[in-house]
């Protein structure tokens, strides 16, 4: 499985999950930089359980973090999450 994050204008981004058999696209109504900052904030503060950025909520689960936007959610396991966060540090 491969997960990528792409910028969609100044105030939106999209998470793409690609496997051998399917592709999932999840649109998020905040900037890519804001999403990466929220993910870093949760990773750096183990006591914190959730973060809100505008209408998007980020929370923890045992195997990673979840992004809730609109009526859906996208689960990011730690193994897939770290490359997205490290990309922001470049």
C-alpha atoms as a PDB file:
ATOM      1  CA  UNK A   1       0.000   0.000   0.000  1.00  0.00           C
ATOM      2  CA  UNK A   2       1.177   3.501  -0.815  1.00  0.00           C
ATOM      3  CA  UNK A   3      -0.269   6.724   0.593  1.00  0.00           C
ATOM      4  CA  UNK A   4       0.533  10.126  -0.869  1.00  0.00           C
ATOM      5  CA  UNK A   5      -0.569  13.650  -0.030  1.00  0.00           C
ATOM      6  CA  UNK A   6      -1.116  16.227  -2.763  1.00  0.00           C
ATOM      7  CA  UNK A   7      -1.885  19.915  -2.601  1.00  0.00           C
ATOM      8  CA  UNK A   8      -5.199  21.013  -4.157  1.00  0.00           C
ATOM      9  CA  UNK A   9      -4.973  24.787  -4.344  1.00  0.00           C
ATOM     10  CA  UNK A  10      -4.205  26.995  -1.348  1.00  0.00           C
ATOM     11  CA  UNK A  11      -6.820  25.645   1.040  1.00  0.00           C
ATOM     12  CA  UNK A  12      -7.290  21.947   0.302  1.00  0.00           C
ATOM     13  CA  UNK A  13      -5.341  18.720  -0.108  1.00  0.00           C
ATOM     14  CA  UNK A  14      -5.991  15.097  -0.997  1.00  0.00           C
ATOM     15  CA  UNK A  15      -4.819  11.810   0.489  1.00  0.00           C
ATOM     16  CA  UNK A  16      -4.398   9.033  -2.103  1.00  0.00           C
ATOM     17  CA  UNK A  17      -4.202   5.393  -1.051  1.00  0.00           C
ATOM     18  CA  UNK A  18      -3.119   2.944  -3.722  1.00  0.00           C
ATOM     19  CA  UNK A  19      -3.034  -0.834  -3.386  1.00  0.00           C
ATOM     20  CA  UNK A  20      -2.635  -3.605  -5.944  1.00  0.00           C
ATOM     21  CA  UNK A  21      -6.401  -3.740  -6.449  1.00  0.00           C
ATOM     22  CA  UNK A  22      -7.801  -0.276  -5.673  1.00  0.00           C
ATOM     23  CA  UNK A  23      -7.273   3.443  -5.291  1.00  0.00           C
ATOM     24  CA  UNK A  24      -8.929   5.614  -2.659  1.00  0.00           C
ATOM     25  CA  UNK A  25      -9.021   9.418  -2.787  1.00  0.00           C
ATOM     26  CA  UNK A  26      -9.948  11.458   0.305  1.00  0.00           C
ATOM     27  CA  UNK A  27     -10.334  15.235  -0.042  1.00  0.00           C
ATOM     28  CA  UNK A  28      -9.549  17.417   2.967  1.00  0.00           C
ATOM     29  CA  UNK A  29     -10.644  21.092   3.156  1.00  0.00           C
ATOM     30  CA  UNK A  30      -7.426  22.456   4.703  1.00  0.00           C
ATOM     31  CA  UNK A  31      -4.012  23.294   3.270  1.00  0.00           C
ATOM     32  CA  UNK A  32      -1.411  20.535   2.969  1.00  0.00           C
ATOM     33  CA  UNK A  33       0.915  22.380   5.373  1.00  0.00           C
ATOM     34  CA  UNK A  34      -1.880  22.658   7.982  1.00  0.00           C
ATOM     35  CA  UNK A  35      -2.589  18.936   7.711  1.00  0.00           C
ATOM     36  CA  UNK A  36       1.085  18.054   8.150  1.00  0.00           C
ATOM     37  CA  UNK A  37       1.352  20.413  11.141  1.00  0.00           C
ATOM     38  CA  UNK A  38      -1.656  18.806  12.835  1.00  0.00           C
ATOM     39  CA  UNK A  39      -0.212  15.320  12.313  1.00  0.00           C
ATOM     40  CA  UNK A  40       3.137  16.448  13.757  1.00  0.00           C
ATOM     41  CA  UNK A  41       1.388  18.043  16.740  1.00  0.00           C
ATOM     42  CA  UNK A  42      -0.324  14.758  17.638  1.00  0.00           C
ATOM     43  CA  UNK A  43       2.862  12.761  17.139  1.00  0.00           C
ATOM     44  CA  UNK A  44       4.930  15.122  19.287  1.00  0.00           C
ATOM     45  CA  UNK A  45       2.398  15.257  22.151  1.00  0.00           C
ATOM     46  CA  UNK A  46       1.501  11.720  23.276  1.00  0.00           C
ATOM     47  CA  UNK A  47      -0.854  13.106  25.942  1.00  0.00           C
ATOM     48  CA  UNK A  48      -3.006  14.785  23.303  1.00  0.00           C
ATOM     49  CA  UNK A  49      -5.808  12.658  21.836  1.00  0.00           C
ATOM     50  CA  UNK A  50      -7.259  14.945  19.190  1.00  0.00           C
ATOM     51  CA  UNK A  51      -6.623  18.157  17.256  1.00  0.00           C
ATOM     52  CA  UNK A  52      -9.074  20.331  15.314  1.00  0.00           C
ATOM     53  CA  UNK A  53      -8.087  22.450  12.313  1.00  0.00           C
ATOM     54  CA  UNK A  54     -11.118  24.327  10.985  1.00  0.00           C
ATOM     55  CA  UNK A  55     -13.705  21.606  10.208  1.00  0.00           C
ATOM     56  CA  UNK A  56     -11.157  18.764  10.170  1.00  0.00           C
ATOM     57  CA  UNK A  57     -10.511  16.588  13.221  1.00  0.00           C
ATOM     58  CA  UNK A  58      -7.436  14.434  13.802  1.00  0.00           C
ATOM     59  CA  UNK A  59      -7.433  11.742  16.487  1.00  0.00           C
ATOM     60  CA  UNK A  60      -5.445   8.734  17.645  1.00  0.00           C
ATOM     61  CA  UNK A  61      -6.174   5.059  17.432  1.00  0.00           C
ATOM     62  CA  UNK A  62      -3.963   2.167  18.450  1.00  0.00           C
ATOM     63  CA  UNK A  63      -2.226   1.750  15.074  1.00  0.00           C
ATOM     64  CA  UNK A  64      -2.008   5.382  13.934  1.00  0.00           C
ATOM     65  CA  UNK A  65      -3.960   8.590  13.420  1.00  0.00           C
ATOM     66  CA  UNK A  66      -7.335   9.275  11.771  1.00  0.00           C
ATOM     67  CA  UNK A  67      -8.373  12.281   9.703  1.00  0.00           C
ATOM     68  CA  UNK A  68     -12.106  13.135   9.866  1.00  0.00           C
ATOM     69  CA  UNK A  69     -13.459  15.506   7.217  1.00  0.00           C
ATOM     70  CA  UNK A  70     -16.984  15.913   5.919  1.00  0.00           C
ATOM     71  CA  UNK A  71     -18.828  12.641   6.427  1.00  0.00           C
ATOM     72  CA  UNK A  72     -15.774  10.406   6.134  1.00  0.00           C
ATOM     73  CA  UNK A  73     -12.488   9.463   7.709  1.00  0.00           C
ATOM     74  CA  UNK A  74      -9.076   8.301   6.549  1.00  0.00           C
ATOM     75  CA  UNK A  75      -6.910   6.093   8.741  1.00  0.00           C
ATOM     76  CA  UNK A  76      -3.144   6.594   8.594  1.00  0.00           C
ATOM     77  CA  UNK A  77      -1.158   3.769  10.142  1.00  0.00           C
ATOM     78  CA  UNK A  78       2.142   4.866  11.676  1.00  0.00           C
ATOM     79  CA  UNK A  79       4.157   3.054   9.002  1.00  0.00           C
ATOM     80  CA  UNK A  80       2.422   5.152   6.303  1.00  0.00           C
ATOM     81  CA  UNK A  81       2.195   8.318   8.368  1.00  0.00           C
ATOM     82  CA  UNK A  82       5.876   8.999   8.998  1.00  0.00           C
ATOM     83  CA  UNK A  83       6.848   9.570   5.324  1.00  0.00           C
ATOM     84  CA  UNK A  84       4.045  12.177   5.011  1.00  0.00           C
ATOM     85  CA  UNK A  85       5.243  14.044   8.097  1.00  0.00           C
ATOM     86  CA  UNK A  86       8.921  13.813   7.171  1.00  0.00           C
ATOM     87  CA  UNK A  87       8.151  15.250   3.732  1.00  0.00           C
ATOM     88  CA  UNK A  88       7.099  18.478   5.468  1.00  0.00           C
ATOM     89  CA  UNK A  89      10.497  18.776   7.164  1.00  0.00           C
ATOM     90  CA  UNK A  90      12.373  18.916   3.835  1.00  0.00           C
END
